[in-house]
Amino acid sequence: MRHLLSIDDLERADIERILDRAASFAEVSGREIKKVPTLRGRTVVNLFYEASTRTSSSFELAAKRLSADVVSVRSVGSSVDKGESLKDTVQTLSAYDPAAIVIRSPHVGAAELVARWTTASVVNAGDGKHEHPTQALLDVYTLRQRLGSLDGKSIWIVGDVLHSRVARSNVLAFQRMGARVTVCGPPTLIPRGFESLGCEVAYTLDGLPAADVVYALRMQHERMQEAFVPSLREYAAVYQIDRGRLRPGQLLMHPGPVNRGVELAADVIDSPQATIVAQVEAGVVVRMAVLFELLAGGHAPEVAAAPAPQPAEAAA
């Protein structure tokens, strides 16, 4: 595996291998010294054109725990502010001979373009409204820790599907792992033809009690250039997940950051059913596993054979 641009790059066996590796890194994370020498001497560049806390910090921690050197570049305060193009930025960073470039961009397809311009492995940390594959992997990891297999499980993804790269990646990943997925939200926030991904589409929460997992999406105000709902109060009245809508036994997920009082009520955010903190914790070990998969090939580094000994007389 050279790059991770989309969940479509992965078969079920690939996902299981990465998540099994993440579980082994979770054991390392419990030690006093959390580093392993796997990527010592190699450089990972984090190139973030959008604001991020969870994703950027977890990728930085993941690379450092693998003993890589890390260069973190934000668009604010960099040459991007001066009008430097993405291609020129990538070519500049390539002078550092990075082993991997992790990129987040507001533009769909940015990670794929970067993969054409560099010899480094590229990880898509979110491209516009398209995909966020490592978020999907850490969500599957979190569910496997709680539920074991996802085969036959019913997962409802509720909220702003239209603007969510998480929704698309999770639909693909959850289904690849054997789950049945329903996306739900106002008609204005469900992309036309989204059911072509193999999921079901609902516009009310009537069927929510049958779900094993409820995955609430953030209302992405920063991507909305027009009114998609009459008001946040009216949206919350119909689609907010609160204690009355979350039945006992259901798991509650959210990619963060949470708009408290909009997609989730405060009383469920901190409930034992919520996996939000566990998802954040999973981010580091899953991203360690992704970097390991791309840069170490899932194998220990090869050791060069020692040169054959020379006869004593020849050496003399």
Protein backbone atom coordinates (compact mmCIF):
# COMPACT_ATOMS: atom_id res chain seq x y z
CA MET A 1 0.00 0.00 0.00
CA ARG A 2 1.57 3.27 -1.14
CA HIS A 3 -1.02 5.91 -0.17
CA LEU A 4 -4.23 6.17 1.87
CA LEU A 5 -6.50 8.51 -0.06
CA SER A 6 -9.87 6.78 0.36
CA ILE A 7 -11.50 3.89 2.20
CA ASP A 8 -12.00 2.47 -1.30
CA ASP A 9 -8.22 1.84 -1.27
CA LEU A 10 -8.77 -0.81 1.41
CA GLU A 11 -10.27 -4.28 1.39
CA ARG A 12 -11.72 -5.73 4.59
CA ALA A 13 -8.50 -7.69 5.18
CA ASP A 14 -6.49 -4.46 4.91
CA ILE A 15 -8.71 -2.75 7.49
CA GLU A 16 -8.45 -5.69 9.87
CA ARG A 17 -4.66 -5.79 9.52
CA ILE A 18 -4.33 -2.06 10.26
CA LEU A 19 -6.65 -2.28 13.26
CA ASP A 20 -4.88 -5.34 14.65
CA ARG A 21 -1.64 -3.37 14.38
CA ALA A 22 -3.32 -0.44 16.15
CA ALA A 23 -4.28 -2.76 19.00
CA SER A 24 -0.63 -3.75 19.42
CA PHE A 25 0.35 -0.07 19.49
CA ALA A 26 -2.30 0.50 22.17
CA GLU A 27 -0.28 -1.83 24.39
CA VAL A 28 2.83 0.28 23.74
CA SER A 29 0.87 3.41 24.63
CA GLY A 30 0.26 1.95 28.07
CA ARG A 31 3.97 1.78 28.83
CA GLU A 32 6.00 4.45 30.59
CA ILE A 33 8.11 4.92 27.45
CA LYS A 34 5.66 5.03 24.56
CA LYS A 35 8.07 5.20 21.61
CA VAL A 36 9.11 2.49 19.17
CA PRO A 37 12.04 2.95 16.75
CA THR A 38 10.20 1.92 13.58
CA LEU A 39 10.50 5.22 11.67
CA ARG A 40 13.71 6.55 13.22
CA GLY A 41 15.52 8.81 10.74
CA ARG A 42 12.44 9.33 8.54
CA THR A 43 10.40 12.50 8.18
CA VAL A 44 6.62 12.95 8.26
CA VAL A 45 5.16 16.26 7.07
CA ASN A 46 1.75 17.37 8.35
CA LEU A 47 0.28 19.89 5.89
CA PHE A 48 -2.98 21.34 7.20
CA TYR A 49 -4.92 23.92 5.18
CA GLU A 50 -7.89 23.76 7.58
CA ALA A 51 -8.23 24.16 11.32
CA SER A 52 -7.81 20.91 13.25
CA THR A 53 -7.14 19.83 16.80
CA ARG A 54 -7.81 16.09 17.03
CA THR A 55 -6.52 15.00 13.63
CA SER A 56 -3.39 17.17 13.49
CA SER A 57 -2.32 16.48 17.08
CA SER A 58 -2.92 12.74 16.80
CA PHE A 59 -0.94 12.46 13.54
CA GLU A 60 1.91 14.42 15.15
CA LEU A 61 1.88 12.18 18.23
CA ALA A 62 1.61 9.07 16.06
CA ALA A 63 4.67 9.99 14.02
CA LYS A 64 6.70 10.94 17.09
CA ARG A 65 5.81 7.72 18.90
CA LEU A 66 7.16 5.87 15.85
CA SER A 67 10.37 7.97 16.32
CA ALA A 68 9.93 9.92 13.07
CA ASP A 69 10.98 13.54 12.65
CA VAL A 70 7.89 15.71 12.22
CA VAL A 71 7.41 18.93 10.26
CA SER A 72 4.02 20.56 10.85
CA VAL A 73 2.86 23.24 8.41
CA ARG A 74 -0.30 25.31 8.84
CA SER A 75 -1.61 27.56 6.08
CA VAL A 76 -1.83 30.49 8.50
CA GLY A 77 1.59 32.04 8.95
CA SER A 78 3.19 30.04 6.13
CA SER A 79 4.01 30.87 2.52
CA VAL A 80 0.45 29.86 1.65
CA ASP A 81 -0.59 33.22 3.12
CA LYS A 82 1.64 34.81 0.49
CA GLY A 83 -0.14 33.04 -2.34
CA GLU A 84 2.06 29.97 -2.78
CA SER A 85 0.23 27.21 -4.65
CA LEU A 86 -0.31 23.73 -3.26
CA LYS A 87 2.02 22.27 -5.90
CA ASP A 88 4.81 24.71 -5.07
CA THR A 89 4.36 24.06 -1.35
CA VAL A 90 4.62 20.30 -1.90
CA GLN A 91 7.72 20.71 -4.05
CA THR A 92 9.30 22.90 -1.36
CA LEU A 93 8.54 20.36 1.37
CA SER A 94 9.84 17.55 -0.84
CA ALA A 95 13.30 19.08 -0.42
CA TYR A 96 13.20 17.65 3.13
CA ASP A 97 12.89 14.14 1.61
CA PRO A 98 9.73 13.25 3.58
CA ALA A 99 8.68 9.64 3.86
CA ALA A 100 5.03 10.69 4.22
CA ILE A 101 2.89 13.78 3.73
CA VAL A 102 -0.35 14.02 5.70
CA ILE A 103 -2.64 16.60 4.12
CA ARG A 104 -5.93 18.23 5.07
CA SER A 105 -7.49 20.57 2.54
CA PRO A 106 -10.87 22.25 1.96
CA HIS A 107 -10.68 21.09 -1.67
CA VAL A 108 -11.90 17.71 -2.90
CA GLY A 109 -9.13 15.71 -4.53
CA ALA A 110 -6.23 17.65 -2.98
CA ALA A 111 -4.64 14.52 -1.48
CA GLU A 112 -4.80 12.73 -4.83
CA LEU A 113 -3.03 15.66 -6.50
CA VAL A 114 -0.31 15.70 -3.86
CA ALA A 115 0.26 11.97 -4.47
CA ARG A 116 1.06 12.81 -8.12
CA TRP A 117 3.58 15.50 -7.16
CA THR A 118 5.69 13.68 -4.58
CA THR A 119 7.51 10.42 -4.11
CA ALA A 120 6.37 10.37 -0.46
CA SER A 121 3.43 8.31 0.76
CA VAL A 122 0.34 10.50 1.11
CA VAL A 123 -2.37 10.25 3.75
CA ASN A 124 -5.66 12.03 3.22
CA ALA A 125 -6.55 13.73 6.52
CA GLY A 126 -9.73 15.17 5.00
CA ASP A 127 -10.36 16.72 1.57
CA GLY A 128 -13.35 19.03 1.44
CA LYS A 129 -16.65 17.16 1.61
CA HIS A 130 -15.11 14.04 0.08
CA GLU A 131 -13.41 11.66 2.54
CA HIS A 132 -11.62 11.29 5.88
CA PRO A 133 -10.37 7.68 5.82
CA THR A 134 -8.39 7.64 9.09
CA GLN A 135 -11.44 8.91 10.98
CA ALA A 136 -13.40 5.97 9.61
CA LEU A 137 -10.64 3.57 10.65
CA LEU A 138 -10.52 4.87 14.21
CA ASP A 139 -14.31 4.69 14.39
CA VAL A 140 -14.25 1.04 13.27
CA TYR A 141 -11.47 0.39 15.80
CA THR A 142 -13.56 1.94 18.59
CA LEU A 143 -16.59 -0.16 17.67
CA ARG A 144 -14.55 -3.36 17.48
CA GLN A 145 -13.30 -2.65 21.01
CA ARG A 146 -16.90 -2.32 22.24
CA LEU A 147 -18.85 -4.73 20.03
CA GLY A 148 -16.32 -7.16 18.62
CA SER A 149 -17.47 -7.85 15.06
CA LEU A 150 -19.54 -5.31 13.13
CA ASP A 151 -21.16 -8.05 11.05
CA GLY A 152 -24.93 -7.60 11.02
CA LYS A 153 -24.87 -4.51 13.24
CA SER A 154 -27.19 -1.60 12.41
CA ILE A 155 -25.51 1.83 12.37
CA TRP A 156 -27.42 5.08 11.92
CA ILE A 157 -25.48 8.18 10.83
CA VAL A 158 -27.57 11.24 11.69
CA GLY A 159 -27.20 14.89 10.75
CA ASP A 160 -25.36 17.01 8.22
CA VAL A 161 -24.45 14.30 5.72
CA LEU A 162 -24.15 16.77 2.83
CA HIS A 163 -21.10 18.59 4.20
CA SER A 164 -19.52 15.62 6.00
CA ARG A 165 -16.44 13.84 4.68
CA VAL A 166 -16.71 11.59 7.75
CA ALA A 167 -20.12 10.31 6.63
CA ARG A 168 -18.91 9.08 3.25
CA SER A 169 -15.81 7.34 4.63
CA ASN A 170 -17.77 5.76 7.47
CA VAL A 171 -20.53 4.44 5.22
CA LEU A 172 -17.87 2.71 3.11
CA ALA A 173 -15.89 1.40 6.09
CA PHE A 174 -18.83 0.22 8.20
CA GLN A 175 -20.34 -1.64 5.25
CA ARG A 176 -17.01 -3.19 4.34
CA MET A 177 -16.89 -4.58 7.87
CA GLY A 178 -20.35 -6.13 7.52
CA ALA A 179 -22.63 -3.50 9.10
CA ARG A 180 -25.93 -2.21 7.75
CA VAL A 181 -25.86 1.59 7.48
CA THR A 182 -28.67 4.14 7.40
CA VAL A 183 -28.04 7.87 6.94
CA CYS A 184 -30.67 10.23 8.29
CA GLY A 185 -31.23 13.96 8.20
CA PRO A 186 -33.26 16.73 6.61
CA PRO A 187 -33.68 16.25 2.83
CA THR A 188 -31.63 19.42 2.29
CA LEU A 189 -28.66 17.82 4.10
CA ILE A 190 -28.69 14.42 2.33
CA PRO A 191 -26.76 14.43 -0.98
CA ARG A 192 -28.77 13.35 -3.99
CA GLY A 193 -28.05 9.73 -4.90
CA PHE A 194 -26.21 9.00 -1.65
CA GLU A 195 -27.91 5.60 -1.45
CA SER A 196 -25.70 4.55 -4.38
CA LEU A 197 -23.03 3.89 -1.75
CA GLY A 198 -25.17 0.96 -0.59
CA CYS A 199 -26.70 2.56 2.50
CA GLU A 200 -30.33 3.33 3.25
CA VAL A 201 -31.64 6.89 3.53
CA ALA A 202 -34.19 8.09 6.10
CA TYR A 203 -35.59 11.53 6.81
CA THR A 204 -37.04 10.86 10.26
CA LEU A 205 -35.73 9.16 13.41
CA ASP A 206 -38.65 6.72 13.54
CA GLY A 207 -36.40 3.70 12.93
CA LEU A 208 -33.60 4.84 15.26
CA PRO A 209 -34.54 2.52 18.18
CA ALA A 210 -33.52 -0.50 16.08
CA ALA A 211 -29.96 0.78 15.67
CA ASP A 212 -27.03 -0.71 17.57
CA VAL A 213 -24.97 2.43 17.03
CA VAL A 214 -26.03 6.06 16.63
CA TYR A 215 -23.41 8.24 14.96
CA ALA A 216 -24.23 11.95 15.19
CA LEU A 217 -22.60 14.35 12.74
CA ARG A 218 -21.60 17.93 13.44
CA MET A 219 -23.56 20.73 11.82
CA GLN A 220 -20.80 22.28 9.70
CA HIS A 221 -21.68 25.94 9.73
CA GLU A 222 -18.37 26.91 8.13
CA ARG A 223 -19.26 25.02 4.93
CA MET A 224 -22.81 26.35 4.67
CA GLN A 225 -23.28 29.30 2.33
CA GLU A 226 -27.07 29.22 2.42
CA ALA A 227 -29.87 28.20 4.78
CA PHE A 228 -30.21 24.41 4.79
CA VAL A 229 -32.50 24.29 7.83
CA PRO A 230 -35.02 26.88 9.06
CA SER A 231 -33.08 27.33 12.33
CA LEU A 232 -30.79 25.36 14.62
CA ARG A 233 -33.58 25.25 17.20
CA GLU A 234 -35.95 23.59 14.72
CA TYR A 235 -33.20 21.21 13.56
CA ALA A 236 -32.51 20.19 17.16
CA ALA A 237 -36.19 19.62 17.85
CA VAL A 238 -36.38 17.00 15.08
CA TYR A 239 -32.88 15.47 14.86
CA GLN A 240 -31.02 16.12 18.12
CA ILE A 241 -30.00 12.94 19.94
CA ASP A 242 -30.99 13.26 23.60
CA ARG A 243 -31.73 10.86 26.44
CA GLY A 244 -35.28 10.38 25.19
CA ARG A 245 -34.09 9.23 21.75
CA LEU A 246 -31.11 7.13 22.84
CA ARG A 247 -32.34 3.79 24.13
CA PRO A 248 -30.38 1.69 26.67
CA GLY A 249 -27.72 -0.45 25.00
CA GLN A 250 -27.12 1.81 22.02
CA LEU A 251 -23.65 3.25 21.49
CA LEU A 252 -23.33 6.96 20.69
CA MET A 253 -20.53 8.27 18.47
CA HIS A 254 -19.49 11.71 17.24
CA PRO A 255 -16.36 12.75 15.28
CA GLY A 256 -15.95 16.01 17.24
CA PRO A 257 -15.96 18.83 17.88
CA VAL A 258 -19.50 18.67 19.26
CA ASN A 259 -22.01 21.51 18.96
CA ARG A 260 -23.57 21.00 22.39
CA GLY A 261 -27.29 21.50 22.32
CA VAL A 262 -27.51 21.12 18.54
CA GLU A 263 -26.79 17.60 17.29
CA LEU A 264 -26.31 16.21 20.80
CA ALA A 265 -27.89 17.09 24.13
CA ALA A 266 -25.51 17.56 27.05
CA ASP A 267 -27.04 14.65 28.97
CA VAL A 268 -25.89 12.08 26.37
CA ILE A 269 -22.46 13.54 25.58
CA ASP A 270 -21.16 12.53 28.99
CA SER A 271 -23.18 9.30 29.31
CA PRO A 272 -21.57 5.84 29.53
CA GLN A 273 -23.05 5.08 26.11
CA ALA A 274 -20.94 7.78 24.45
CA THR A 275 -17.65 6.70 22.87
CA ILE A 276 -16.43 10.21 22.04
CA VAL A 277 -13.38 10.12 24.34
CA ALA A 278 -12.54 6.58 23.22
CA GLN A 279 -12.59 7.76 19.60
CA VAL A 280 -10.04 10.47 20.40
CA GLU A 281 -7.84 7.95 22.21
CA ALA A 282 -8.06 5.59 19.23
CA GLY A 283 -6.84 8.31 16.89
CA VAL A 284 -3.19 8.07 17.90
CA VAL A 285 -2.80 4.28 17.73
CA VAL A 286 -4.79 3.95 14.49
CA ARG A 287 -2.73 6.66 12.82
CA MET A 288 0.43 4.99 14.10
CA ALA A 289 -0.79 1.83 12.40
CA VAL A 290 -1.52 3.68 9.14
CA LEU A 291 1.97 5.24 9.06
CA PHE A 292 3.47 1.85 9.90
CA GLU A 293 1.51 0.19 7.08
CA LEU A 294 2.60 2.79 4.53
CA LEU A 295 6.22 3.25 5.55
CA ALA A 296 7.26 -0.08 7.05
CA GLY A 297 5.10 -2.20 4.79
CA GLY A 298 3.78 -4.16 7.73
CA HIS A 299 7.17 -5.84 8.01
CA ALA A 300 10.29 -5.37 10.07
CA PRO A 301 13.10 -3.52 8.22
CA GLU A 302 15.33 -5.76 6.19
CA VAL A 303 18.87 -6.23 7.47
CA ALA A 304 21.59 -6.14 4.85
CA ALA A 305 23.65 -9.31 4.59
CA ALA A 306 27.17 -9.12 5.97
CA PRO A 307 29.96 -9.20 3.33
CA ALA A 308 31.59 -12.57 2.79
CA PRO A 309 34.89 -12.97 4.67
CA GLN A 310 38.03 -12.70 2.51
CA PRO A 311 40.90 -15.21 2.68
CA ALA A 312 43.68 -14.03 4.94
CA GLU A 313 46.23 -13.92 2.13
CA ALA A 314 43.96 -11.80 -0.09
CA ALA A 315 43.35 -9.37 2.73
CA ALA A 316 47.05 -9.07 3.26
